[in-house]
Amino acid sequence: MRATSPKRITAVPLQFHRSVEAMEVWSASRGGFSFVISFESPTGPGFHGRTGYMASWRPLDPTKGAIRIGGSPFQSLAEAEQGCNRFVEHLAALEGLGWSK
């Protein structure tokens, strides 16, 4: 049986899509990792927390929890996307150094 090689992480910008139409939640994945951005506020519908765009990542392994991306909550969706893309670049650099998940 042929072994499958691990997915490579590329530092190409993530393409986020709206995951839940009724809520402000966007997601993207790359190289075995999932990235999610959600809008949070202390009151009202949706997720409750500090007002802003919360960005997180996790391995696609369903047993692993999400980890908040530094700088969250961001003031805009574009800033949250930039934070996720910077983290993808970080993961790609680690992979280039021989780090693997």
C-alpha atoms as a PDB file:
ATOM      1  CA  MET A   1       0.000   0.000   0.000  1.00  0.00           C
ATOM      2  CA  ARG A   2       1.358   3.413  -0.954  1.00  0.00           C
ATOM      3  CA  ALA A   3       1.800   5.970   1.831  1.00  0.00           C
ATOM      4  CA  THR A   4       0.198   9.351   1.348  1.00  0.00           C
ATOM      5  CA  SER A   5       2.417  12.367   1.711  1.00  0.00           C
ATOM      6  CA  PRO A   6       1.430  15.121   4.150  1.00  0.00           C
ATOM      7  CA  LYS A   7      -0.344  18.130   2.703  1.00  0.00           C
ATOM      8  CA  ARG A   8       1.965  21.038   1.931  1.00  0.00           C
ATOM      9  CA  ILE A   9       1.202  24.450   3.351  1.00  0.00           C
ATOM     10  CA  THR A  10       1.490  27.231   0.811  1.00  0.00           C
ATOM     11  CA  ALA A  11       1.623  30.902   1.714  1.00  0.00           C
ATOM     12  CA  VAL A  12      -0.977  31.814  -0.922  1.00  0.00           C
ATOM     13  CA  PRO A  13      -3.738  34.016   0.576  1.00  0.00           C
ATOM     14  CA  LEU A  14      -6.705  32.104   1.957  1.00  0.00           C
ATOM     15  CA  GLN A  15     -10.059  32.350   0.167  1.00  0.00           C
ATOM     16  CA  PHE A  16     -12.712  32.805   2.861  1.00  0.00           C
ATOM     17  CA  HIS A  17     -16.355  31.946   2.223  1.00  0.00           C
ATOM     18  CA  ARG A  18     -19.451  32.597   4.286  1.00  0.00           C
ATOM     19  CA  SER A  19     -20.056  29.415   6.285  1.00  0.00           C
ATOM     20  CA  VAL A  20     -23.363  30.255   7.937  1.00  0.00           C
ATOM     21  CA  GLU A  21     -25.695  32.589   6.057  1.00  0.00           C
ATOM     22  CA  ALA A  22     -27.705  33.668   9.107  1.00  0.00           C
ATOM     23  CA  MET A  23     -24.560  34.567  11.077  1.00  0.00           C
ATOM     24  CA  GLU A  24     -21.331  36.410  10.373  1.00  0.00           C
ATOM     25  CA  VAL A  25     -19.028  33.385  10.096  1.00  0.00           C
ATOM     26  CA  TRP A  26     -16.415  32.818   7.375  1.00  0.00           C
ATOM     27  CA  SER A  27     -14.071  29.865   6.908  1.00  0.00           C
ATOM     28  CA  ALA A  28     -11.156  28.696   4.787  1.00  0.00           C
ATOM     29  CA  SER A  29      -8.714  25.796   4.872  1.00  0.00           C
ATOM     30  CA  ARG A  30      -5.186  25.158   3.676  1.00  0.00           C
ATOM     31  CA  GLY A  31      -2.692  22.329   4.107  1.00  0.00           C
ATOM     32  CA  GLY A  32      -4.604  20.415   6.774  1.00  0.00           C
ATOM     33  CA  PHE A  33      -5.612  23.483   8.796  1.00  0.00           C
ATOM     34  CA  SER A  34      -8.962  25.245   9.177  1.00  0.00           C
ATOM     35  CA  PHE A  35      -9.356  28.999   9.730  1.00  0.00           C
ATOM     36  CA  VAL A  36     -12.576  30.616  10.980  1.00  0.00           C
ATOM     37  CA  ILE A  37     -13.525  34.264  11.409  1.00  0.00           C
ATOM     38  CA  SER A  38     -16.672  35.183  13.337  1.00  0.00           C
ATOM     39  CA  PHE A  39     -18.126  38.527  14.314  1.00  0.00           C
ATOM     40  CA  GLU A  40     -18.759  38.841  18.040  1.00  0.00           C
ATOM     41  CA  SER A  41     -20.479  41.444  20.186  1.00  0.00           C
ATOM     42  CA  PRO A  42     -21.545  41.578  23.847  1.00  0.00           C
ATOM     43  CA  THR A  43     -25.243  41.679  22.932  1.00  0.00           C
ATOM     44  CA  GLY A  44     -27.527  40.807  20.049  1.00  0.00           C
ATOM     45  CA  PRO A  45     -27.658  37.758  17.784  1.00  0.00           C
ATOM     46  CA  GLY A  46     -24.637  35.598  17.052  1.00  0.00           C
ATOM     47  CA  PHE A  47     -21.536  34.956  19.112  1.00  0.00           C
ATOM     48  CA  HIS A  48     -21.069  36.917  22.308  1.00  0.00           C
ATOM     49  CA  GLY A  49     -17.715  38.350  23.318  1.00  0.00           C
ATOM     50  CA  ARG A  50     -15.657  41.483  22.806  1.00  0.00           C
ATOM     51  CA  THR A  51     -16.886  43.396  19.768  1.00  0.00           C
ATOM     52  CA  GLY A  52     -14.914  42.569  16.654  1.00  0.00           C
ATOM     53  CA  TYR A  53     -13.863  39.854  14.242  1.00  0.00           C
ATOM     54  CA  MET A  54     -12.459  36.849  16.107  1.00  0.00           C
ATOM     55  CA  ALA A  55     -10.041  34.729  14.066  1.00  0.00           C
ATOM     56  CA  SER A  56      -8.976  31.212  15.006  1.00  0.00           C
ATOM     57  CA  TRP A  57      -7.249  28.194  13.505  1.00  0.00           C
ATOM     58  CA  ARG A  58      -7.002  24.477  14.184  1.00  0.00           C
ATOM     59  CA  PRO A  59      -5.764  21.319  12.514  1.00  0.00           C
ATOM     60  CA  LEU A  60      -8.512  19.584  10.512  1.00  0.00           C
ATOM     61  CA  ASP A  61      -8.309  16.750  13.062  1.00  0.00           C
ATOM     62  CA  PRO A  62     -11.760  16.835  14.747  1.00  0.00           C
ATOM     63  CA  THR A  63     -10.245  16.028  18.150  1.00  0.00           C
ATOM     64  CA  LYS A  64      -8.232  19.271  18.219  1.00  0.00           C
ATOM     65  CA  GLY A  65      -9.654  22.529  19.525  1.00  0.00           C
ATOM     66  CA  ALA A  66      -9.416  25.973  17.957  1.00  0.00           C
ATOM     67  CA  ILE A  67      -6.671  28.448  18.857  1.00  0.00           C
ATOM     68  CA  ARG A  68      -7.249  32.207  18.749  1.00  0.00           C
ATOM     69  CA  ILE A  69      -5.046  34.135  16.337  1.00  0.00           C
ATOM     70  CA  GLY A  70      -3.085  36.915  18.037  1.00  0.00           C
ATOM     71  CA  GLY A  71      -4.641  40.343  17.630  1.00  0.00           C
ATOM     72  CA  SER A  72      -8.225  39.059  17.792  1.00  0.00           C
ATOM     73  CA  PRO A  73     -10.726  40.562  17.907  1.00  0.00           C
ATOM     74  CA  PHE A  74      -9.886  42.629  14.837  1.00  0.00           C
ATOM     75  CA  GLN A  75     -11.746  45.814  13.892  1.00  0.00           C
ATOM     76  CA  SER A  76     -12.606  44.638  10.362  1.00  0.00           C
ATOM     77  CA  LEU A  77     -13.051  41.444   8.381  1.00  0.00           C
ATOM     78  CA  ALA A  78     -10.119  42.473   6.150  1.00  0.00           C
ATOM     79  CA  GLU A  79      -7.827  42.790   9.206  1.00  0.00           C
ATOM     80  CA  ALA A  80      -8.942  39.358  10.445  1.00  0.00           C
ATOM     81  CA  GLU A  81      -8.222  37.859   7.002  1.00  0.00           C
ATOM     82  CA  GLN A  82      -4.759  39.461   7.072  1.00  0.00           C
ATOM     83  CA  GLY A  83      -4.135  37.955  10.509  1.00  0.00           C
ATOM     84  CA  CYS A  84      -5.057  34.498   9.214  1.00  0.00           C
ATOM     85  CA  ASN A  85      -2.883  34.919   6.122  1.00  0.00           C
ATOM     86  CA  ARG A  86       0.086  35.963   8.267  1.00  0.00           C
ATOM     87  CA  PHE A  87      -0.417  32.812  10.302  1.00  0.00           C
ATOM     88  CA  VAL A  88      -0.483  30.685   7.123  1.00  0.00           C
ATOM     89  CA  GLU A  89       2.866  32.272   6.192  1.00  0.00           C
ATOM     90  CA  HIS A  90       4.162  31.354   9.658  1.00  0.00           C
ATOM     91  CA  LEU A  91       3.002  27.727   9.263  1.00  0.00           C
ATOM     92  CA  ALA A  92       4.594  27.535   5.793  1.00  0.00           C
ATOM     93  CA  ALA A  93       7.887  28.851   7.203  1.00  0.00           C
ATOM     94  CA  LEU A  94       7.802  26.260   9.998  1.00  0.00           C
ATOM     95  CA  GLU A  95       7.152  23.529   7.444  1.00  0.00           C
ATOM     96  CA  GLY A  96      10.143  24.782   5.441  1.00  0.00           C
ATOM     97  CA  LEU A  97      12.282  24.336   8.561  1.00  0.00           C
ATOM     98  CA  GLY A  98      11.225  20.701   8.856  1.00  0.00           C
ATOM     99  CA  TRP A  99       8.401  21.183  11.357  1.00  0.00           C
ATOM    100  CA  SER A 100       5.383  18.989  10.714  1.00  0.00           C
ATOM    101  CA  LYS A 101       2.070  18.683  12.459  1.00  0.00           C
END
